[in-house]
Structures are given as structure tokens and as C-alpha cells.
């Protein structure tokens, strides 16, 4: 199968998996914001972000190694999964011990308030991540797609039942997510017959060492990504309070529309780069994909900025409406995060986890410092600005470091001009009240962005039409 066809096929399958989940979850935001208080939503968000931090630390990011090493030709898949599973079990025991210790020492009270759900959430999230990574590695992308649809159906149904019928509040919200993740894990286990890949004897120490050698630098990388993605919530909670964090966290729901495309593409791209890596990029595969992806993300962000207030009126109930102010900057962060994902695929293909770690550490430090300074100065919107700035700097660093592994020519001045236009749209949206002239100017800027990329759109779409019609690979 050709490079483009393989990428398109996986994007299609993952769209089936992710788009339904994200879209339906998006339309349930009015339910969440009308049933849950700002403090309750903030509590759930802190639980999610804390578990997301602990998983790579306690597992030494072994999930990343599971994916990367299972993609190698002639890999011993049984050995790879069994090594990963053993590390995951070990991490879960350590996690439970830490939770018990925290219960008595009361270092983090919010964990003790939801201790059972906290433990369950960690275990089911880690299990799902491991199974999904391994399924991708052995090319069971279709099963991942179906599991995503199943997860959506279960989670959304239970949210409606628990929140509206039984009125369980935060408890129901936790249960819906936990059962949804558990259902996904059970389905994937059955579909890929996971028991066939489990053995705890004759596992080579050398292989475990090799896998950990790749994944250990990614612990720092994961922590840094966590800081970039989640430290703003902690800073907002610390400076502005838990309720303010609940509003700020809801602000991420509109950018999640754009991030769904990022998630789908980056997941498929990881599989393609390992197969199609070419340092010289002789056929322009990397350049063409980067150009089209950049166009989709930038133009999508531009349109979402225009629609921000309209969507907020539909999605954000009661005290949550003010979250719209954070949306434009958070969407700009999604754009740069998406482009960083393209570069990350190349780093993964050459197994250079150290460069990724260096870049994300720098971004995390910048993000954390700016988060504190700007939030103290201008409130929660400062955290959104800090996130966008940090992601932009990381994009620049990726652009610099990637030259070591691949030759790529992009129209940098044109791209930066489009990012400046996004910033201009954001300032206009925040500065001026709703009016016809405001939206006319916004739409004109959208049109200018599209014109900037007109040549790439024409060339790349022609290529894709030829591929789809079978006239050219």
C-alpha cells in the first residue's frame, strides 16, 4: 500500500473512533455545565490531569515503547507486550501504596475526597492506553476505531442516565468515564486475543533494558507535556480558586473540536513515519503532508475564533459562559501542538526520544513561569496566553532540531504571517463587542488565510484525487 493510501486509511479508521467520541462529548457540554457546579467540574479536571501526570512517571513511559517497538519488523510481539504488562502491574502496586500513604498523611486532600474513583481511574486509563498502543503497533487500527465508538456509546449513555435520571452529580460523572474506559479495554483484549501475547518466562533483560532506554527520556518529555497541557489548571486553581479552574477547564471544550483532528492525524502519522521515513524526503511526502495539515489547522482555528461566542452561548450554561475568553488562545496552542506532532513522528521513527525531551522541557519551563506571572497579573486568561506562547516556542525548536533527520522546505514567512493573522483575530474578538462589522472583518481575515495557502491546496488536493481514483500512488 502506498504512503498516502496507508495514511488516509488510518485517518479514516481513527476518525470513526475519535470523531464520534469528541463530537458527542462536545454536544454534552451543556449537560455538564448545567448539572455540575464549577467546583465539581474543577475537581474532575484535577483528577484527570493528575492521573495523566502519574502514569508516565510510574510506568517510565513504557506505553510509548510498547507502540514503537511493536512497529519494528520481525519484532517478538509476545515479549514486547509481556515486558510492558509486567511494568504496568508493578506501577499499579506502587500507585496504590502512594494513595494509601497520602490517605494518612493528607498531603493532597482532594485525592482523599475521591480516593476510590482516583484509584479506579488510574488503573482503567493505564490499561486502555497500553492496549491501544499495542493494538496500533500490531496494525489493529480497525479494532481501535470500533472500540472508540463503543466507548462513546457507553460513556455518553451513562452520563445521561447518571446525571439526569439518577442525579448522581460528580459521582455519576466519574462512573461514566471509568466504565467507558473499562469497556474499551475489555473489547480490545478480546479482539486482539491479548492472552496470546502474555508470558512472564524467558523475557530477556536486554530487551527490557532496550525498551526502557527508549522510554525513560520520554518520562521527562511526558512531564513536560503535562506541564504544558495541565499546569495552567493548577496555577489557576492556586491563584484564582477551584471554581475559576472549573470555568477555565470548560474553556478547553471548544478547542477540543480542533484537537480531535490533531489527535486523529497524529495517531495515524506515527504509524506512517516509521514505515515511510526518508531523510531526503525525495518524493516530498513529508513536505506535502505538513503543508496540508498546517492549512487545515490554521484555517480551522480561524473559523473557530469567528464562532467562539456563538458556540459559547450554546455550550456554556450559567457561570461557565465567561470561559469563551480563553478559547482563542487555547485554540492557537492546539495549532502549534498539532504541528509539533508532525515533527514528533520523525523523532519517533529514528528513536530519538532525547531531543523530544529537551524541547518539551524548555517549553514546559517557559509555560510554567509565564503561567504564574501572567495569571497573577491578568487572571486566568494569562494562563491561556502562556500556553499559546509556550507551544509556539516549542514549534520553533522542533523546526530547528528536525533538520538533523529530514530535509524539509516550508514557506516559513507565509506560515508565520498566517499565525499573526490568527493573533489579530483573537485580539479583535476579545476587544470588541458583537457587531456586524466585527464579523465581517473576521471573515475577511479567514479569506486572506485561505488565499495564502491557495497554491498548496490546489497541488495537494490534486495529488490526493489521483491517489483515490487509483491513477497514481
Protein backbone atom coordinates (compact mmCIF):
# COMPACT_ATOMS: atom_id res chain seq x y z
CA UNK A 1 0.00 0.00 0.00
CA UNK A 2 1.35 3.48 -0.91
CA UNK A 3 2.37 6.05 1.68
CA UNK A 4 -0.60 8.32 1.11
CA UNK A 5 -3.15 5.50 0.94
CA UNK A 6 -1.87 3.98 4.19
CA UNK A 7 -2.08 7.34 5.95
CA UNK A 8 -5.55 8.10 4.56
CA UNK A 9 -6.83 4.64 5.53
CA UNK A 10 -5.68 5.03 9.12
CA UNK A 11 -7.02 8.58 9.33
CA UNK A 12 -10.39 7.29 8.16
CA UNK A 13 -10.48 4.49 10.72
CA UNK A 14 -9.34 6.73 13.55
CA UNK A 15 -11.87 9.37 12.55
CA UNK A 16 -14.57 6.76 13.07
CA UNK A 17 -13.09 6.11 16.51
CA UNK A 18 -12.34 9.63 17.70
CA UNK A 19 -14.69 11.98 15.90
CA UNK A 20 -17.86 10.39 17.23
CA UNK A 21 -16.49 10.46 20.77
CA UNK A 22 -15.34 14.06 20.63
CA UNK A 23 -18.36 15.33 18.74
CA UNK A 24 -20.91 13.71 21.02
CA UNK A 25 -18.97 14.70 24.14
CA UNK A 26 -18.86 18.23 22.77
CA UNK A 27 -22.65 18.36 22.49
CA UNK A 28 -22.95 17.09 26.08
CA UNK A 29 -21.09 20.12 27.44
CA UNK A 30 -24.40 21.96 28.09
CA UNK A 31 -25.44 18.97 30.23
CA UNK A 32 -22.23 19.04 32.25
CA UNK A 33 -22.29 22.79 32.79
CA UNK A 34 -25.94 22.79 33.83
CA UNK A 35 -25.78 19.79 36.21
CA UNK A 36 -22.30 20.10 37.72
CA UNK A 37 -21.08 23.06 39.73
CA UNK A 38 -17.88 24.87 38.74
CA UNK A 39 -16.13 23.30 41.76
CA UNK A 40 -17.27 19.78 40.86
CA UNK A 41 -16.09 20.16 37.28
CA UNK A 42 -12.80 21.56 38.56
CA UNK A 43 -12.38 18.52 40.85
CA UNK A 44 -12.87 16.06 37.99
CA UNK A 45 -10.47 18.02 35.80
CA UNK A 46 -7.79 17.96 38.50
CA UNK A 47 -8.24 14.20 38.91
CA UNK A 48 -7.83 13.65 35.17
CA UNK A 49 -4.75 15.85 34.88
CA UNK A 50 -3.12 14.33 37.99
CA UNK A 51 -3.61 10.76 36.73
CA UNK A 52 -2.25 11.84 33.33
CA UNK A 53 0.91 13.02 35.09
CA UNK A 54 1.36 9.93 37.27
CA UNK A 55 1.01 7.33 34.51
CA UNK A 56 4.22 8.14 32.59
CA UNK A 57 6.19 8.66 35.83
CA UNK A 58 5.22 5.38 37.48
CA UNK A 59 5.42 3.33 34.26
CA UNK A 60 8.57 5.06 32.93
CA UNK A 61 6.53 5.82 29.78
CA UNK A 62 6.57 2.14 28.82
CA UNK A 63 3.38 2.65 26.77
CA UNK A 64 5.43 4.69 24.28
CA UNK A 65 7.95 1.87 23.96
CA UNK A 66 5.14 -0.64 23.50
CA UNK A 67 3.98 1.19 20.41
CA UNK A 68 7.37 1.96 18.94
CA UNK A 69 8.97 -1.47 19.39
CA UNK A 70 5.90 -3.39 18.25
CA UNK A 71 6.12 -1.48 14.95
CA UNK A 72 9.56 -2.94 14.17
CA UNK A 73 9.74 -5.67 11.55
CA UNK A 74 10.20 -9.18 12.96
CA UNK A 75 9.50 -7.93 16.50
CA UNK A 76 8.68 -10.51 19.16
CA UNK A 77 5.25 -9.10 19.97
CA UNK A 78 4.67 -11.50 22.83
CA UNK A 79 7.86 -10.44 24.56
CA UNK A 80 7.21 -6.73 23.99
CA UNK A 81 3.70 -6.82 25.46
CA UNK A 82 4.67 -9.05 28.38
CA UNK A 83 7.54 -6.78 29.39
CA UNK A 84 5.21 -3.79 29.22
CA UNK A 85 2.47 -5.55 31.19
CA UNK A 86 4.88 -6.50 33.95
CA UNK A 87 5.99 -2.89 34.31
CA UNK A 88 2.37 -1.70 34.29
CA UNK A 89 1.42 -4.14 37.09
CA UNK A 90 4.41 -3.02 39.12
CA UNK A 91 3.44 0.63 38.66
CA UNK A 92 -0.13 -0.03 39.78
CA UNK A 93 1.08 -1.57 43.03
CA UNK A 94 3.32 1.46 43.66
CA UNK A 95 0.42 3.78 42.83
CA UNK A 96 -1.92 2.13 45.35
CA UNK A 97 0.80 2.27 48.01
CA UNK A 98 1.21 6.01 47.38
CA UNK A 99 -2.54 6.58 47.61
CA UNK A 100 -2.70 4.75 50.95
CA UNK A 101 0.22 6.84 52.23
CA UNK A 102 -1.49 10.04 51.09
CA UNK A 103 -4.67 8.96 52.88
CA UNK A 104 -2.87 9.00 56.23
CA UNK A 105 -0.59 11.98 55.58
CA UNK A 106 -3.30 14.05 53.83
CA UNK A 107 -0.79 15.73 51.51
CA UNK A 108 -3.39 16.13 48.75
CA UNK A 109 -6.88 16.35 50.32
CA UNK A 110 -8.76 16.40 47.00
CA UNK A 111 -7.47 12.86 46.31
CA UNK A 112 -8.80 11.57 49.63
CA UNK A 113 -12.21 13.07 48.86
CA UNK A 114 -12.49 10.77 45.82
CA UNK A 115 -9.96 8.06 46.69
CA UNK A 116 -11.84 5.08 45.19
CA UNK A 117 -12.54 6.85 41.91
CA UNK A 118 -8.98 8.12 41.78
CA UNK A 119 -7.59 4.57 42.01
CA UNK A 120 -10.09 3.16 39.53
CA UNK A 121 -9.45 5.96 37.05
CA UNK A 122 -5.70 5.36 37.12
CA UNK A 123 -6.00 1.63 36.53
CA UNK A 124 -8.57 1.77 33.71
CA UNK A 125 -6.86 4.68 31.94
CA UNK A 126 -3.47 2.95 32.06
CA UNK A 127 -4.96 -0.35 30.85
CA UNK A 128 -6.67 1.36 27.95
CA UNK A 129 -3.50 3.23 26.95
CA UNK A 130 -1.41 0.06 26.97
CA UNK A 131 -3.93 -1.95 24.95
CA UNK A 132 -4.45 0.82 22.41
CA UNK A 133 -0.72 1.32 21.93
CA UNK A 134 -0.16 -2.40 21.38
CA UNK A 135 -3.16 -2.70 19.05
CA UNK A 136 -1.78 0.15 16.93
CA UNK A 137 1.64 -1.47 16.90
CA UNK A 138 0.30 -4.75 15.52
CA UNK A 139 -1.88 -2.88 12.99
CA UNK A 140 -5.30 -3.46 14.56
CA UNK A 141 -6.37 0.10 13.78
CA UNK A 142 -9.87 -1.01 12.78
CA UNK A 143 -10.41 -2.56 16.22
CA UNK A 144 -9.28 0.68 17.85
CA UNK A 145 -11.85 2.53 15.74
CA UNK A 146 -14.68 0.25 16.85
CA UNK A 147 -13.55 0.44 20.48
CA UNK A 148 -13.74 4.23 20.26
CA UNK A 149 -17.32 4.11 19.03
CA UNK A 150 -18.19 1.64 21.80
CA UNK A 151 -16.57 3.87 24.40
CA UNK A 152 -18.60 6.84 23.12
CA UNK A 153 -21.88 4.96 23.27
CA UNK A 154 -21.28 3.66 26.80
CA UNK A 155 -19.87 6.86 28.26
CA UNK A 156 -22.49 9.17 26.80
CA UNK A 157 -25.40 6.90 27.68
CA UNK A 158 -24.19 6.53 31.26
CA UNK A 159 -23.59 10.28 31.59
CA UNK A 160 -27.19 10.96 30.64
CA UNK A 161 -28.52 8.21 32.92
CA UNK A 162 -26.33 9.02 35.92
CA UNK A 163 -26.55 12.82 35.70
CA UNK A 164 -30.15 13.34 34.58
CA UNK A 165 -32.07 10.28 35.81
CA UNK A 166 -30.23 9.26 38.97
CA UNK A 167 -28.81 12.75 39.60
CA UNK A 168 -25.55 11.36 40.96
CA UNK A 169 -23.59 14.54 40.20
CA UNK A 170 -19.81 14.20 40.33
CA UNK A 171 -20.07 10.51 41.31
CA UNK A 172 -22.06 9.75 38.16
CA UNK A 173 -19.60 11.71 36.03
CA UNK A 174 -16.70 9.63 37.37
CA UNK A 175 -18.56 6.34 36.93
CA UNK A 176 -19.50 7.09 33.32
CA UNK A 177 -15.89 7.75 32.33
CA UNK A 178 -14.48 4.78 34.25
CA UNK A 179 -17.00 2.29 32.84
CA UNK A 180 -16.47 3.68 29.34
CA UNK A 181 -12.69 3.13 29.56
CA UNK A 182 -13.16 -0.32 31.05
CA UNK A 183 -15.49 -1.31 28.21
CA UNK A 184 -12.88 -0.24 25.66
CA UNK A 185 -10.19 -2.29 27.37
CA UNK A 186 -12.34 -5.42 27.50
CA UNK A 187 -13.29 -5.10 23.84
CA UNK A 188 -9.67 -4.64 22.67
CA UNK A 189 -8.49 -7.52 24.84
CA UNK A 190 -10.99 -9.86 23.20
CA UNK A 191 -10.45 -8.61 19.64
CA UNK A 192 -6.66 -8.94 19.63
CA UNK A 193 -6.76 -12.04 21.85
CA UNK A 194 -4.43 -10.40 24.30
CA UNK A 195 -3.94 -13.58 26.34
CA UNK A 196 -1.90 -15.00 23.45
CA UNK A 197 0.69 -12.26 23.97
CA UNK A 198 1.17 -12.79 27.71
CA UNK A 199 4.10 -14.76 29.04
CA UNK A 200 6.26 -13.96 32.05
CA UNK A 201 9.01 -16.51 31.45
CA UNK A 202 12.02 -16.23 29.15
CA UNK A 203 11.76 -12.46 28.93
CA UNK A 204 15.12 -11.01 28.01
CA UNK A 205 16.60 -8.45 30.37
CA UNK A 206 18.40 -6.95 27.40
CA UNK A 207 15.09 -6.29 25.63
CA UNK A 208 13.57 -4.70 28.71
CA UNK A 209 16.65 -2.53 29.07
CA UNK A 210 16.41 -1.52 25.40
CA UNK A 211 12.74 -0.59 25.74
CA UNK A 212 13.35 1.38 28.93
CA UNK A 213 16.34 3.10 27.36
CA UNK A 214 13.96 4.49 24.76
CA UNK A 215 11.10 5.27 27.14
CA UNK A 216 12.93 6.75 30.14
CA UNK A 217 13.79 10.05 28.40
CA UNK A 218 10.12 10.24 27.48
CA UNK A 219 9.23 10.44 31.19
CA UNK A 220 10.72 13.91 31.24
CA UNK A 221 9.03 14.53 27.92
CA UNK A 222 5.66 13.42 29.31
CA UNK A 223 6.06 15.51 32.45
CA UNK A 224 6.92 18.50 30.31
CA UNK A 225 3.91 17.88 28.08
CA UNK A 226 1.79 17.55 31.19
CA UNK A 227 3.09 20.92 32.40
CA UNK A 228 2.27 22.42 29.01
CA UNK A 229 -1.19 20.86 28.95
CA UNK A 230 -2.21 20.92 32.59
CA UNK A 231 -0.08 23.24 34.72
CA UNK A 232 -2.34 26.14 33.79
CA UNK A 233 -5.22 24.43 35.63
CA UNK A 234 -3.16 24.08 38.80
CA UNK A 235 -1.90 27.66 38.59
CA UNK A 236 -5.44 28.96 38.03
CA UNK A 237 -6.68 26.86 40.96
CA UNK A 238 -3.86 28.10 43.18
CA UNK A 239 -4.23 31.78 42.29
CA UNK A 240 -7.91 32.14 41.33
CA UNK A 241 -9.60 29.21 43.12
CA UNK A 242 -11.22 25.86 42.26
CA UNK A 243 -14.36 27.45 40.79
CA UNK A 244 -12.27 29.58 38.44
CA UNK A 245 -10.47 26.44 37.31
CA UNK A 246 -13.83 24.84 36.58
CA UNK A 247 -14.67 27.73 34.23
CA UNK A 248 -11.18 27.71 32.71
CA UNK A 249 -11.31 23.95 32.13
CA UNK A 250 -14.61 24.25 30.30
CA UNK A 251 -12.85 26.73 28.03
CA UNK A 252 -10.95 23.78 26.57
CA UNK A 253 -14.17 22.22 25.22
CA UNK A 254 -14.37 24.40 22.10
CA UNK A 255 -10.68 23.88 21.22
CA UNK A 256 -11.36 20.16 21.59
CA UNK A 257 -13.25 20.38 18.28
CA UNK A 258 -9.98 21.30 16.60
CA UNK A 259 -7.87 18.98 18.72
CA UNK A 260 -9.89 15.97 17.58
CA UNK A 261 -8.34 16.39 14.13
CA UNK A 262 -4.94 16.74 15.78
CA UNK A 263 -5.41 13.50 17.71
CA UNK A 264 -6.63 11.57 14.69
CA UNK A 265 -3.88 12.76 12.38
CA UNK A 266 -1.01 12.42 14.84
CA UNK A 267 -2.02 8.87 15.74
CA UNK A 268 -2.12 7.84 12.09
CA UNK A 269 1.05 9.80 11.34
CA UNK A 270 3.05 7.88 13.95
CA UNK A 271 2.33 4.67 12.08
CA UNK A 272 3.21 6.19 8.70
CA UNK A 273 6.52 7.81 9.64
CA UNK A 274 8.04 4.56 10.88
CA UNK A 275 7.15 2.88 7.58
CA UNK A 276 7.87 5.75 5.19
CA UNK A 277 10.78 7.62 6.81
CA UNK A 278 13.18 9.06 4.24
CA UNK A 279 15.81 11.55 5.35
CA UNK A 280 15.94 13.29 1.98
CA UNK A 281 12.16 13.33 1.60
CA UNK A 282 12.82 12.58 -2.06
CA UNK A 283 9.17 12.28 -3.08
CA UNK A 284 8.06 15.25 -0.96
CA UNK A 285 5.78 13.09 1.22
CA UNK A 286 6.67 14.86 4.48
CA UNK A 287 6.55 18.33 2.91
CA UNK A 288 3.18 17.75 1.25
CA UNK A 289 1.57 16.28 4.35
CA UNK A 290 2.94 19.08 6.57
CA UNK A 291 1.62 21.75 4.19
CA UNK A 292 -1.89 20.33 4.01
CA UNK A 293 -2.05 19.70 7.75
CA UNK A 294 -0.85 23.22 8.52
CA UNK A 295 -3.56 24.62 6.23
CA UNK A 296 -6.32 22.55 7.84
CA UNK A 297 -5.30 23.51 11.38
CA UNK A 298 -4.74 27.21 10.71
CA UNK A 299 -7.93 27.70 8.69
CA UNK A 300 -9.89 25.59 11.18
CA UNK A 301 -8.59 27.72 14.04
CA UNK A 302 -9.51 30.89 12.15
CA UNK A 303 -13.10 29.74 11.67
CA UNK A 304 -13.40 28.61 15.29
CA UNK A 305 -12.26 32.03 16.52
CA UNK A 306 -15.06 33.62 14.49
CA UNK A 307 -17.60 31.21 16.01
CA UNK A 308 -16.29 31.33 19.60
CA UNK A 309 -19.00 33.48 21.16
CA UNK A 310 -21.81 31.78 19.25
CA UNK A 311 -20.64 28.34 20.37
CA UNK A 312 -20.18 29.56 23.94
CA UNK A 313 -23.81 30.70 24.11
CA UNK A 314 -24.88 27.22 23.10
CA UNK A 315 -22.41 25.23 25.21
CA UNK A 316 -21.67 27.18 28.38
CA UNK A 317 -24.52 27.40 30.84
CA UNK A 318 -24.83 29.83 33.74
CA UNK A 319 -21.49 30.79 35.33
CA UNK A 320 -19.48 28.99 32.65
CA UNK A 321 -20.17 31.47 29.82
CA UNK A 322 -17.12 33.59 30.66
CA UNK A 323 -14.92 30.67 29.54
CA UNK A 324 -15.21 31.88 25.91
CA UNK A 325 -12.45 34.45 26.55
CA UNK A 326 -9.87 31.70 26.99
CA UNK A 327 -10.84 29.83 23.83
CA UNK A 328 -8.93 31.72 21.06
CA UNK A 329 -5.53 31.42 22.76
CA UNK A 330 -6.13 27.78 23.65
CA UNK A 331 -7.02 27.07 20.02
CA UNK A 332 -3.79 28.68 18.85
CA UNK A 333 -1.96 26.36 21.23
CA UNK A 334 -3.74 23.41 19.58
CA UNK A 335 -2.46 24.54 16.16
CA UNK A 336 1.18 24.57 17.26
CA UNK A 337 0.71 21.36 19.22
CA UNK A 338 -0.57 19.72 16.05
CA UNK A 339 2.45 20.81 14.02
CA UNK A 340 4.78 19.65 16.80
CA UNK A 341 3.10 16.25 16.44
CA UNK A 342 4.25 16.07 12.81
CA UNK A 343 7.85 16.56 13.88
CA UNK A 344 7.43 14.11 16.76
CA UNK A 345 6.60 11.38 14.28
CA UNK A 346 10.04 11.78 12.73
CA UNK A 347 11.76 11.73 16.13
CA UNK A 348 9.87 8.54 16.90
CA UNK A 349 10.86 6.95 13.58
CA UNK A 350 14.57 7.45 14.35
CA UNK A 351 14.08 6.57 18.05
CA UNK A 352 15.42 9.92 19.24
CA UNK A 353 13.50 10.45 22.46
CA UNK A 354 16.19 12.70 23.98
CA UNK A 355 15.70 15.58 21.54
CA UNK A 356 11.97 15.47 22.17
CA UNK A 357 12.65 15.62 25.89
CA UNK A 358 14.94 18.66 25.60
CA UNK A 359 12.42 20.61 23.55
CA UNK A 360 9.46 19.89 25.79
CA UNK A 361 11.44 20.68 28.95
CA UNK A 362 12.24 24.13 27.59
CA UNK A 363 8.61 24.63 26.61
CA UNK A 364 7.38 23.44 30.00
CA UNK A 365 9.65 25.80 31.91
CA UNK A 366 8.56 28.74 29.77
CA UNK A 367 4.94 27.74 30.18
CA UNK A 368 5.13 27.35 33.94
CA UNK A 369 6.93 30.67 34.51
CA UNK A 370 4.60 32.58 32.19
CA UNK A 371 1.57 30.86 33.73
CA UNK A 372 2.43 32.16 37.18
CA UNK A 373 3.45 35.66 36.06
CA UNK A 374 0.55 36.28 33.68
CA UNK A 375 -2.13 34.70 35.90
CA UNK A 376 -1.03 36.86 38.83
CA UNK A 377 -1.11 39.88 36.53
CA UNK A 378 -4.28 39.46 34.45
CA UNK A 379 -6.07 36.42 35.87
CA UNK A 380 -7.00 33.13 34.21
CA UNK A 381 -6.66 34.48 30.67
CA UNK A 382 -2.95 34.87 31.41
CA UNK A 383 -2.71 31.08 31.67
CA UNK A 384 -4.26 30.71 28.22
CA UNK A 385 -1.80 33.20 26.74
CA UNK A 386 1.14 31.45 28.42
CA UNK A 387 0.06 28.11 26.93
CA UNK A 388 -0.12 29.55 23.41
CA UNK A 389 3.30 31.23 23.71
CA UNK A 390 4.97 28.08 25.05
CA UNK A 391 3.61 25.96 22.21
CA UNK A 392 4.79 28.49 19.64
CA UNK A 393 8.32 28.40 21.06
CA UNK A 394 8.30 24.60 21.05
CA UNK A 395 7.23 24.63 17.41
CA UNK A 396 10.22 26.81 16.57
CA UNK A 397 12.57 24.49 18.48
CA UNK A 398 11.17 21.43 16.71
CA UNK A 399 11.68 23.16 13.38
CA UNK A 400 15.33 23.72 14.30
CA UNK A 401 16.12 20.22 15.64
CA UNK A 402 14.27 18.29 12.94
CA UNK A 403 16.82 19.39 10.32
CA UNK A 404 19.16 16.76 11.71
CA UNK A 405 16.88 13.97 10.49
CA UNK A 406 14.98 15.19 7.45
CA UNK A 407 15.30 17.72 4.66
CA UNK A 408 12.15 19.81 4.52
CA UNK A 409 11.37 23.06 2.78
CA UNK A 410 8.42 25.02 4.07
CA UNK A 411 7.29 28.57 3.36
CA UNK A 412 8.15 29.85 6.82
CA UNK A 413 7.38 33.53 6.20
CA UNK A 414 3.95 32.67 4.82
CA UNK A 415 3.23 30.38 7.75
CA UNK A 416 4.25 32.96 10.35
CA UNK A 417 2.08 35.58 8.62
CA UNK A 418 -0.92 33.25 8.96
CA UNK A 419 -0.18 32.85 12.69
CA UNK A 420 -0.03 36.65 13.06
CA UNK A 421 -3.45 36.84 11.44
CA UNK A 422 -4.79 34.33 13.97
CA UNK A 423 -3.45 36.54 16.77
CA UNK A 424 -5.10 39.58 15.18
CA UNK A 425 -8.42 37.72 15.07
CA UNK A 426 -8.05 36.86 18.75
CA UNK A 427 -7.36 40.46 19.78
CA UNK A 428 -10.34 41.73 17.77
CA UNK A 429 -12.65 39.13 19.29
CA UNK A 430 -11.57 39.99 22.84
CA UNK A 431 -11.51 43.76 22.33
CA UNK A 432 -14.77 44.43 20.52
CA UNK A 433 -18.39 43.57 21.31
CA UNK A 434 -20.54 41.57 18.89
CA UNK A 435 -21.36 43.55 15.76
CA UNK A 436 -21.74 43.03 12.03
CA UNK A 437 -18.51 44.98 11.23
CA UNK A 438 -16.55 42.77 13.67
CA UNK A 439 -17.68 39.56 11.99
CA UNK A 440 -17.14 41.00 8.50
CA UNK A 441 -13.52 41.80 9.38
CA UNK A 442 -13.11 38.34 10.90
CA UNK A 443 -14.41 36.66 7.74
CA UNK A 444 -12.12 38.79 5.58
CA UNK A 445 -9.14 37.58 7.61
CA UNK A 446 -10.35 33.98 7.13
CA UNK A 447 -10.39 34.60 3.39
CA UNK A 448 -6.87 36.06 3.41
CA UNK A 449 -5.57 32.99 5.24
CA UNK A 450 -7.17 30.72 2.67
CA UNK A 451 -5.61 32.73 -0.17
CA UNK A 452 -2.17 32.46 1.41
CA UNK A 453 -2.39 28.67 1.08
CA UNK A 454 -4.21 28.52 -2.28
CA UNK A 455 -1.25 27.09 -4.20
CA UNK A 456 -0.69 24.27 -1.71
CA UNK A 457 -4.38 23.46 -1.57
CA UNK A 458 -4.60 23.06 -5.33
CA UNK A 459 -1.43 20.98 -5.68
CA UNK A 460 -2.03 18.66 -2.73
CA UNK A 461 -5.71 18.09 -3.40
CA UNK A 462 -4.90 17.16 -7.00
CA UNK A 463 -2.43 14.59 -5.71
CA UNK A 464 -4.98 13.11 -3.34
CA UNK A 465 -7.64 12.90 -6.08
CA UNK A 466 -5.23 10.96 -8.27
CA UNK A 467 -4.44 8.59 -5.42
CA UNK A 468 -8.06 7.98 -4.52
CA UNK A 469 -9.03 7.32 -8.13
CA UNK A 470 -6.18 4.84 -8.43
CA UNK A 471 -4.38 6.66 -11.21
CA UNK A 472 -1.32 7.32 -9.09
CA UNK A 473 0.10 6.05 -5.84
